[in-house]
Amino acid sequence: MLAMLMMSMTPMAATSLSAKAASMKIVKVNVQGGRLREGPSADYDVITTLKRDQKIFYSGKTKNAFSYVCTADGKKGFIYRGFLSSYGTIRTEQVYYTTGRNVRMYKKASTSASRAATLRQQQYVIVYKKSGSWAYVRTLDGTAGYIPLQHLHKAG
């Protein structure tokens, strides 16, 4: 899915990710209700509204005042650049997405451990460590825990 994001960059994006990109920026929405749009102006339809402090993947900027972004659940679109602030950078190889519905994230690397969260299908996560058949991950909203590797697929 991230590969599709990387390859589906429109010609309007001056800076874009490629499948060989070593790193990826994460940005934070600094307004409540920032509109993610289908194109790079207020004339385009709204895909969804984003929450203040929501973290999203930054994919590039356009010639005008918009940036091309992707949410943790794979919604791609354009948002006014003034609504974003830099949050951090990760290695592209760390980005995975969940492959099943209602993927359980545990507080420890064991299915008998307490559940930390339940993730949606194709939700992006950042993998920080792999050990045996488990991965220690964080969601873009900061929830951390362990997921069996069988429920993760490398993006890109």
N, C-alpha and C. Protein backbone atom coordinates (compact mmCIF):
# COMPACT_ATOMS: atom_id res chain seq x y z
N MET A 1 0.82 -1.18 0.00
CA MET A 1 0.00 0.00 0.00
C MET A 1 0.87 1.26 0.00
N LEU A 2 1.92 1.28 0.82
CA LEU A 2 2.83 2.41 0.81
C LEU A 2 3.54 2.47 -0.53
N ALA A 3 3.81 1.30 -1.11
CA ALA A 3 4.43 1.28 -2.43
C ALA A 3 3.52 1.97 -3.42
N MET A 4 2.21 1.73 -3.31
CA MET A 4 1.26 2.41 -4.19
C MET A 4 1.32 3.90 -3.95
N LEU A 5 1.43 4.31 -2.68
CA LEU A 5 1.56 5.72 -2.36
C LEU A 5 2.81 6.28 -3.01
N MET A 6 3.91 5.55 -2.88
CA MET A 6 5.17 6.03 -3.43
C MET A 6 5.12 6.13 -4.94
N MET A 7 4.46 5.16 -5.58
CA MET A 7 4.41 5.14 -7.04
C MET A 7 3.29 6.00 -7.60
N SER A 8 2.32 6.38 -6.77
CA SER A 8 1.17 7.10 -7.28
C SER A 8 1.30 8.60 -7.13
N MET A 9 2.51 9.07 -6.93
CA MET A 9 2.72 10.50 -6.79
C MET A 9 2.28 11.18 -8.08
N THR A 10 1.55 12.25 -7.96
CA THR A 10 1.08 12.95 -9.13
C THR A 10 2.18 13.86 -9.66
N PRO A 11 2.10 14.27 -10.91
CA PRO A 11 3.11 15.18 -11.45
C PRO A 11 3.14 16.51 -10.70
N MET A 12 2.08 16.83 -9.96
CA MET A 12 2.02 18.10 -9.24
C MET A 12 2.98 18.12 -8.06
N ALA A 13 3.38 16.97 -7.57
CA ALA A 13 4.25 16.94 -6.40
C ALA A 13 5.69 17.21 -6.83
N ALA A 14 6.27 18.27 -6.31
CA ALA A 14 7.63 18.64 -6.67
C ALA A 14 8.64 17.70 -6.03
N THR A 15 8.36 17.23 -4.84
CA THR A 15 9.23 16.29 -4.14
C THR A 15 8.41 15.04 -3.90
N SER A 16 8.98 13.88 -4.17
CA SER A 16 8.20 12.66 -3.96
C SER A 16 9.07 11.56 -3.39
N LEU A 17 8.41 10.56 -2.87
CA LEU A 17 9.10 9.38 -2.38
C LEU A 17 9.26 8.41 -3.53
N SER A 18 10.26 7.60 -3.45
CA SER A 18 10.40 6.52 -4.40
C SER A 18 10.58 5.24 -3.60
N ALA A 19 10.48 4.12 -4.28
CA ALA A 19 10.63 2.85 -3.59
C ALA A 19 12.03 2.72 -2.98
N LYS A 20 12.99 3.52 -3.46
CA LYS A 20 14.36 3.45 -2.97
C LYS A 20 14.65 4.51 -1.91
N ALA A 21 13.66 5.29 -1.51
CA ALA A 21 13.89 6.33 -0.52
C ALA A 21 14.37 5.73 0.78
N ALA A 22 15.42 6.31 1.33
CA ALA A 22 16.00 5.78 2.56
C ALA A 22 15.23 6.23 3.79
N SER A 23 14.59 7.38 3.71
CA SER A 23 13.87 7.88 4.87
C SER A 23 12.55 8.52 4.46
N MET A 24 11.71 8.69 5.44
CA MET A 24 10.38 9.25 5.21
C MET A 24 10.08 10.24 6.33
N LYS A 25 9.49 11.35 5.98
CA LYS A 25 9.13 12.34 6.98
C LYS A 25 7.75 12.03 7.56
N ILE A 26 7.62 12.33 8.84
CA ILE A 26 6.32 12.30 9.49
C ILE A 26 6.04 13.73 9.92
N VAL A 27 4.83 14.19 9.63
CA VAL A 27 4.43 15.54 10.02
C VAL A 27 3.22 15.45 10.95
N LYS A 28 2.99 16.53 11.65
CA LYS A 28 1.88 16.61 12.60
C LYS A 28 0.93 17.70 12.14
N VAL A 29 -0.37 17.42 12.23
CA VAL A 29 -1.39 18.42 11.89
C VAL A 29 -1.49 19.37 13.07
N ASN A 30 -1.38 20.67 12.81
CA ASN A 30 -1.38 21.63 13.91
C ASN A 30 -2.68 22.44 14.02
N VAL A 31 -3.75 21.95 13.38
CA VAL A 31 -5.07 22.57 13.52
C VAL A 31 -6.11 21.47 13.70
N GLN A 32 -7.21 21.78 14.33
CA GLN A 32 -8.31 20.82 14.43
C GLN A 32 -9.14 20.92 13.16
N GLY A 33 -9.40 19.80 12.52
CA GLY A 33 -10.26 19.78 11.34
C GLY A 33 -9.56 20.15 10.05
N GLY A 34 -8.25 19.95 9.97
CA GLY A 34 -7.54 20.20 8.71
C GLY A 34 -8.11 19.31 7.63
N ARG A 35 -8.42 19.88 6.49
CA ARG A 35 -9.08 19.13 5.42
C ARG A 35 -8.08 18.46 4.49
N LEU A 36 -8.22 17.15 4.36
CA LEU A 36 -7.45 16.38 3.39
C LEU A 36 -8.28 16.39 2.11
N ARG A 37 -7.70 16.91 1.04
CA ARG A 37 -8.45 17.10 -0.21
C ARG A 37 -7.94 16.22 -1.34
N GLU A 38 -8.79 16.06 -2.36
CA GLU A 38 -8.44 15.24 -3.51
C GLU A 38 -7.39 15.89 -4.41
N GLY A 39 -7.25 17.19 -4.32
CA GLY A 39 -6.28 17.91 -5.14
C GLY A 39 -5.68 19.06 -4.36
N PRO A 40 -4.69 19.74 -4.96
CA PRO A 40 -3.92 20.76 -4.24
C PRO A 40 -4.51 22.17 -4.24
N SER A 41 -5.78 22.28 -3.90
CA SER A 41 -6.39 23.60 -3.70
C SER A 41 -7.72 23.42 -2.97
N ALA A 42 -8.25 24.52 -2.48
CA ALA A 42 -9.53 24.47 -1.76
C ALA A 42 -10.69 24.17 -2.69
N ASP A 43 -10.44 24.15 -4.00
CA ASP A 43 -11.49 23.84 -4.97
C ASP A 43 -11.80 22.34 -5.05
N TYR A 44 -10.95 21.51 -4.50
CA TYR A 44 -11.13 20.06 -4.57
C TYR A 44 -11.98 19.55 -3.40
N ASP A 45 -12.64 18.42 -3.62
CA ASP A 45 -13.47 17.80 -2.58
C ASP A 45 -12.64 17.35 -1.40
N VAL A 46 -13.28 17.37 -0.24
CA VAL A 46 -12.64 16.93 1.01
C VAL A 46 -12.77 15.42 1.12
N ILE A 47 -11.65 14.74 1.36
CA ILE A 47 -11.63 13.29 1.57
C ILE A 47 -12.01 12.99 3.02
N THR A 48 -11.37 13.72 3.94
CA THR A 48 -11.63 13.56 5.36
C THR A 48 -11.06 14.78 6.09
N THR A 49 -11.42 14.94 7.33
CA THR A 49 -10.80 15.99 8.14
C THR A 49 -9.87 15.33 9.15
N LEU A 50 -8.79 16.00 9.44
CA LEU A 50 -7.76 15.46 10.33
C LEU A 50 -7.80 16.19 11.66
N LYS A 51 -7.39 15.47 12.69
CA LYS A 51 -7.41 16.01 14.05
C LYS A 51 -6.10 16.73 14.36
N ARG A 52 -6.19 17.69 15.26
CA ARG A 52 -4.99 18.37 15.76
C ARG A 52 -4.06 17.33 16.39
N ASP A 53 -2.79 17.44 16.13
CA ASP A 53 -1.73 16.56 16.62
C ASP A 53 -1.71 15.19 15.96
N GLN A 54 -2.56 14.94 14.97
CA GLN A 54 -2.54 13.68 14.24
C GLN A 54 -1.26 13.62 13.41
N LYS A 55 -0.56 12.48 13.45
CA LYS A 55 0.66 12.29 12.69
C LYS A 55 0.33 11.60 11.38
N ILE A 56 0.97 12.08 10.31
CA ILE A 56 0.74 11.55 8.96
C ILE A 56 2.08 11.49 8.22
N PHE A 57 2.13 10.67 7.18
CA PHE A 57 3.33 10.57 6.35
C PHE A 57 3.34 11.71 5.35
N TYR A 58 4.46 12.36 5.23
CA TYR A 58 4.64 13.47 4.28
C TYR A 58 5.25 12.90 3.02
N SER A 59 4.64 13.19 1.86
CA SER A 59 5.13 12.63 0.61
C SER A 59 5.67 13.66 -0.36
N GLY A 60 5.42 14.92 -0.12
CA GLY A 60 5.95 15.95 -1.01
C GLY A 60 5.10 17.20 -0.99
N LYS A 61 5.64 18.24 -1.59
CA LYS A 61 4.89 19.49 -1.66
C LYS A 61 4.61 19.82 -3.12
N THR A 62 3.59 20.62 -3.33
CA THR A 62 3.23 21.05 -4.67
C THR A 62 3.80 22.43 -4.91
N LYS A 63 3.63 22.93 -6.11
CA LYS A 63 4.12 24.27 -6.45
C LYS A 63 3.36 25.34 -5.68
N ASN A 64 2.12 25.03 -5.31
CA ASN A 64 1.36 26.00 -4.52
C ASN A 64 1.53 25.66 -3.04
N ALA A 65 0.63 26.02 -2.22
CA ALA A 65 0.79 25.91 -0.76
C ALA A 65 0.28 24.61 -0.17
N PHE A 66 0.27 23.53 -0.94
CA PHE A 66 -0.25 22.25 -0.45
C PHE A 66 0.83 21.19 -0.39
N SER A 67 0.61 20.21 0.48
CA SER A 67 1.50 19.06 0.61
C SER A 67 0.70 17.79 0.34
N TYR A 68 1.37 16.80 -0.25
CA TYR A 68 0.77 15.50 -0.51
C TYR A 68 1.13 14.60 0.67
N VAL A 69 0.12 13.97 1.29
CA VAL A 69 0.33 13.20 2.52
C VAL A 69 -0.46 11.89 2.47
N CYS A 70 -0.16 11.03 3.44
CA CYS A 70 -0.87 9.76 3.59
C CYS A 70 -1.13 9.53 5.07
N THR A 71 -2.36 9.20 5.43
CA THR A 71 -2.71 8.95 6.82
C THR A 71 -2.32 7.52 7.21
N ALA A 72 -2.38 7.22 8.49
CA ALA A 72 -2.04 5.88 8.99
C ALA A 72 -2.95 4.81 8.42
N ASP A 73 -4.17 5.18 8.01
CA ASP A 73 -5.06 4.18 7.43
C ASP A 73 -5.09 4.24 5.91
N GLY A 74 -4.08 4.89 5.31
CA GLY A 74 -3.90 4.83 3.86
C GLY A 74 -4.63 5.87 3.04
N LYS A 75 -5.28 6.83 3.64
CA LYS A 75 -5.95 7.88 2.87
C LYS A 75 -4.90 8.86 2.38
N LYS A 76 -4.87 9.04 1.05
CA LYS A 76 -3.90 9.91 0.42
C LYS A 76 -4.59 11.16 -0.11
N GLY A 77 -3.92 12.29 0.04
CA GLY A 77 -4.49 13.52 -0.49
C GLY A 77 -3.61 14.71 -0.18
N PHE A 78 -4.19 15.88 -0.37
CA PHE A 78 -3.47 17.13 -0.23
C PHE A 78 -4.02 17.93 0.95
N ILE A 79 -3.13 18.61 1.66
CA ILE A 79 -3.52 19.45 2.78
C ILE A 79 -2.70 20.73 2.71
N TYR A 80 -3.30 21.82 3.13
CA TYR A 80 -2.61 23.11 3.15
C TYR A 80 -1.35 22.99 4.01
N ARG A 81 -0.22 23.36 3.44
CA ARG A 81 1.08 23.20 4.10
C ARG A 81 1.16 23.94 5.43
N GLY A 82 0.46 25.05 5.57
CA GLY A 82 0.47 25.82 6.81
C GLY A 82 -0.18 25.09 7.98
N PHE A 83 -0.92 24.01 7.70
CA PHE A 83 -1.56 23.21 8.75
C PHE A 83 -0.64 22.12 9.29
N LEU A 84 0.59 22.05 8.80
CA LEU A 84 1.50 20.97 9.17
C LEU A 84 2.76 21.49 9.85
N SER A 85 3.31 20.69 10.74
CA SER A 85 4.62 20.98 11.31
C SER A 85 5.42 19.68 11.32
N SER A 86 6.72 19.83 11.23
CA SER A 86 7.61 18.67 11.19
C SER A 86 7.52 17.90 12.50
N TYR A 87 7.53 16.58 12.42
CA TYR A 87 7.48 15.74 13.61
C TYR A 87 8.73 14.86 13.74
N GLY A 88 9.15 14.27 12.62
CA GLY A 88 10.31 13.39 12.68
C GLY A 88 10.55 12.68 11.37
N THR A 89 11.54 11.83 11.37
CA THR A 89 11.91 11.05 10.18
C THR A 89 12.15 9.61 10.60
N ILE A 90 11.73 8.68 9.76
CA ILE A 90 11.97 7.26 9.99
C ILE A 90 12.59 6.66 8.73
N ARG A 91 13.18 5.50 8.90
CA ARG A 91 13.69 4.78 7.73
C ARG A 91 12.50 4.12 7.02
N THR A 92 12.48 4.22 5.72
CA THR A 92 11.39 3.66 4.93
C THR A 92 11.22 2.16 5.21
N GLU A 93 12.33 1.47 5.45
CA GLU A 93 12.28 0.02 5.70
C GLU A 93 11.56 -0.34 7.00
N GLN A 94 11.28 0.63 7.86
CA GLN A 94 10.57 0.38 9.12
C GLN A 94 9.05 0.39 8.95
N VAL A 95 8.56 0.84 7.81
CA VAL A 95 7.11 1.01 7.63
C VAL A 95 6.49 -0.30 7.16
N TYR A 96 5.52 -0.78 7.92
CA TYR A 96 4.76 -1.99 7.62
C TYR A 96 3.28 -1.65 7.73
N TYR A 97 2.44 -2.56 7.24
CA TYR A 97 1.01 -2.42 7.48
C TYR A 97 0.44 -3.76 7.92
N THR A 98 -0.67 -3.69 8.64
CA THR A 98 -1.31 -4.90 9.15
C THR A 98 -2.03 -5.61 8.01
N THR A 99 -2.03 -6.95 8.06
CA THR A 99 -2.60 -7.74 6.97
C THR A 99 -3.91 -8.42 7.32
N GLY A 100 -4.33 -8.33 8.53
CA GLY A 100 -5.59 -8.97 8.90
C GLY A 100 -6.56 -7.96 9.48
N ARG A 101 -7.78 -8.38 9.64
CA ARG A 101 -8.77 -7.52 10.29
C ARG A 101 -8.62 -7.67 11.79
N ASN A 102 -8.76 -6.56 12.49
CA ASN A 102 -8.69 -6.57 13.95
C ASN A 102 -7.43 -7.26 14.46
N VAL A 103 -6.28 -6.76 14.04
CA VAL A 103 -4.99 -7.31 14.45
C VAL A 103 -4.72 -6.87 15.89
N ARG A 104 -4.45 -7.85 16.73
CA ARG A 104 -4.20 -7.56 18.15
C ARG A 104 -2.74 -7.18 18.38
N MET A 105 -2.56 -6.09 19.14
CA MET A 105 -1.24 -5.66 19.58
C MET A 105 -1.17 -5.96 21.08
N TYR A 106 -0.11 -6.64 21.49
CA TYR A 106 0.02 -7.06 22.88
C TYR A 106 1.07 -6.24 23.61
N LYS A 107 0.94 -6.18 24.94
CA LYS A 107 1.91 -5.44 25.75
C LYS A 107 3.24 -6.18 25.87
N LYS A 108 3.22 -7.48 25.68
CA LYS A 108 4.42 -8.31 25.66
C LYS A 108 4.34 -9.24 24.45
N ALA A 109 5.46 -9.83 24.09
CA ALA A 109 5.52 -10.72 22.92
C ALA A 109 4.92 -12.08 23.25
N SER A 110 3.63 -12.09 23.53
CA SER A 110 2.93 -13.33 23.86
C SER A 110 1.43 -13.11 23.65
N THR A 111 0.77 -14.09 23.07
CA THR A 111 -0.68 -13.97 22.88
C THR A 111 -1.44 -14.07 24.19
N SER A 112 -0.77 -14.48 25.25
CA SER A 112 -1.42 -14.53 26.56
C SER A 112 -1.22 -13.22 27.34
N ALA A 113 -0.46 -12.28 26.78
CA ALA A 113 -0.24 -10.98 27.43
C ALA A 113 -1.48 -10.10 27.25
N SER A 114 -1.54 -9.05 28.03
CA SER A 114 -2.63 -8.07 27.91
C SER A 114 -2.58 -7.41 26.54
N ARG A 115 -3.74 -7.05 26.05
CA ARG A 115 -3.84 -6.39 24.76
C ARG A 115 -3.54 -4.90 24.92
N ALA A 116 -2.67 -4.37 24.06
CA ALA A 116 -2.36 -2.94 24.06
C ALA A 116 -3.32 -2.19 23.16
N ALA A 117 -3.75 -2.83 22.06
CA ALA A 117 -4.66 -2.19 21.11
C ALA A 117 -5.12 -3.23 20.10
N THR A 118 -6.13 -2.87 19.33
CA THR A 118 -6.57 -3.66 18.19
C THR A 118 -6.49 -2.75 16.98
N LEU A 119 -5.76 -3.19 15.96
CA LEU A 119 -5.52 -2.37 14.78
C LEU A 119 -6.39 -2.81 13.62
N ARG A 120 -6.74 -1.84 12.79
CA ARG A 120 -7.54 -2.10 11.59
C ARG A 120 -6.69 -2.77 10.52
N GLN A 121 -7.35 -3.34 9.55
CA GLN A 121 -6.65 -3.93 8.41
C GLN A 121 -5.96 -2.81 7.63
N GLN A 122 -4.76 -3.06 7.18
CA GLN A 122 -3.94 -2.15 6.40
C GLN A 122 -3.64 -0.84 7.12
N GLN A 123 -3.49 -0.91 8.42
CA GLN A 123 -3.06 0.24 9.20
C GLN A 123 -1.54 0.25 9.24
N TYR A 124 -0.95 1.39 8.96
CA TYR A 124 0.50 1.51 8.98
C TYR A 124 1.02 1.52 10.40
N VAL A 125 2.15 0.85 10.59
CA VAL A 125 2.87 0.86 11.87
C VAL A 125 4.36 1.01 11.56
N ILE A 126 5.10 1.41 12.58
CA ILE A 126 6.54 1.54 12.46
C ILE A 126 7.17 0.42 13.28
N VAL A 127 7.96 -0.42 12.63
CA VAL A 127 8.60 -1.54 13.30
C VAL A 127 9.96 -1.08 13.83
N TYR A 128 10.15 -1.24 15.14
CA TYR A 128 11.41 -0.85 15.78
C TYR A 128 12.33 -2.02 16.06
N LYS A 129 11.74 -3.21 16.24
CA LYS A 129 12.57 -4.37 16.56
C LYS A 129 11.82 -5.64 16.19
N LYS A 130 12.55 -6.63 15.69
CA LYS A 130 11.99 -7.95 15.43
C LYS A 130 12.74 -8.95 16.30
N SER A 131 11.99 -9.86 16.90
CA SER A 131 12.58 -10.90 17.72
C SER A 131 11.76 -12.16 17.56
N GLY A 132 12.38 -13.18 16.98
CA GLY A 132 11.65 -14.42 16.72
C GLY A 132 10.49 -14.15 15.77
N SER A 133 9.29 -14.51 16.19
CA SER A 133 8.11 -14.32 15.35
C SER A 133 7.33 -13.07 15.72
N TRP A 134 7.97 -12.14 16.47
CA TRP A 134 7.29 -10.94 16.96
C TRP A 134 8.00 -9.67 16.49
N ALA A 135 7.22 -8.59 16.40
CA ALA A 135 7.77 -7.27 16.10
C ALA A 135 7.29 -6.29 17.15
N TYR A 136 8.20 -5.46 17.63
CA TYR A 136 7.82 -4.36 18.52
C TYR A 136 7.53 -3.17 17.61
N VAL A 137 6.30 -2.63 17.72
CA VAL A 137 5.85 -1.59 16.80
C VAL A 137 5.24 -0.41 17.55
N ARG A 138 5.11 0.69 16.81
CA ARG A 138 4.36 1.86 17.27
C ARG A 138 3.46 2.31 16.13
N THR A 139 2.28 2.74 16.51
CA THR A 139 1.39 3.36 15.53
C THR A 139 1.77 4.83 15.41
N LEU A 140 1.25 5.51 14.42
CA LEU A 140 1.54 6.94 14.29
C LEU A 140 0.96 7.75 15.44
N ASP A 141 -0.04 7.22 16.13
CA ASP A 141 -0.57 7.95 17.29
C ASP A 141 0.20 7.65 18.57
N GLY A 142 1.23 6.79 18.48
CA GLY A 142 2.11 6.53 19.61
C GLY A 142 1.84 5.26 20.40
N THR A 143 0.79 4.53 20.07
CA THR A 143 0.51 3.27 20.77
C THR A 143 1.61 2.27 20.44
N ALA A 144 2.17 1.64 21.46
CA ALA A 144 3.28 0.71 21.26
C ALA A 144 2.92 -0.67 21.78
N GLY A 145 3.51 -1.68 21.16
CA GLY A 145 3.30 -3.04 21.61
C GLY A 145 3.88 -4.03 20.63
N TYR A 146 3.51 -5.29 20.79
CA TYR A 146 4.05 -6.39 20.00
C TYR A 146 2.96 -6.98 19.12
N ILE A 147 3.35 -7.28 17.89
CA ILE A 147 2.44 -7.91 16.92
C ILE A 147 3.17 -9.09 16.31
N PRO A 148 2.47 -10.23 16.16
CA PRO A 148 3.10 -11.36 15.46
C PRO A 148 3.46 -10.95 14.03
N LEU A 149 4.66 -11.30 13.59
CA LEU A 149 5.12 -10.91 12.25
C LEU A 149 4.18 -11.40 11.15
N GLN A 150 3.48 -12.49 11.38
CA GLN A 150 2.56 -13.02 10.36
C GLN A 150 1.44 -12.05 10.03
N HIS A 151 1.20 -11.05 10.89
CA HIS A 151 0.14 -10.07 10.65
C HIS A 151 0.66 -8.75 10.11
N LEU A 152 1.95 -8.74 9.71
CA LEU A 152 2.56 -7.52 9.19
C LEU A 152 3.12 -7.76 7.80
N HIS A 153 3.03 -6.74 6.95
CA HIS A 153 3.61 -6.80 5.62
C HIS A 153 4.40 -5.52 5.40
N LYS A 154 5.60 -5.68 4.87
CA LYS A 154 6.44 -4.52 4.62
C LYS A 154 5.84 -3.65 3.52
N ALA A 155 5.72 -2.37 3.80
CA ALA A 155 5.21 -1.42 2.80
C ALA A 155 6.35 -1.07 1.87
N GLY A 156 6.02 -0.93 0.59
CA GLY A 156 7.06 -0.55 -0.36
C GLY A 156 7.67 -1.73 -0.92
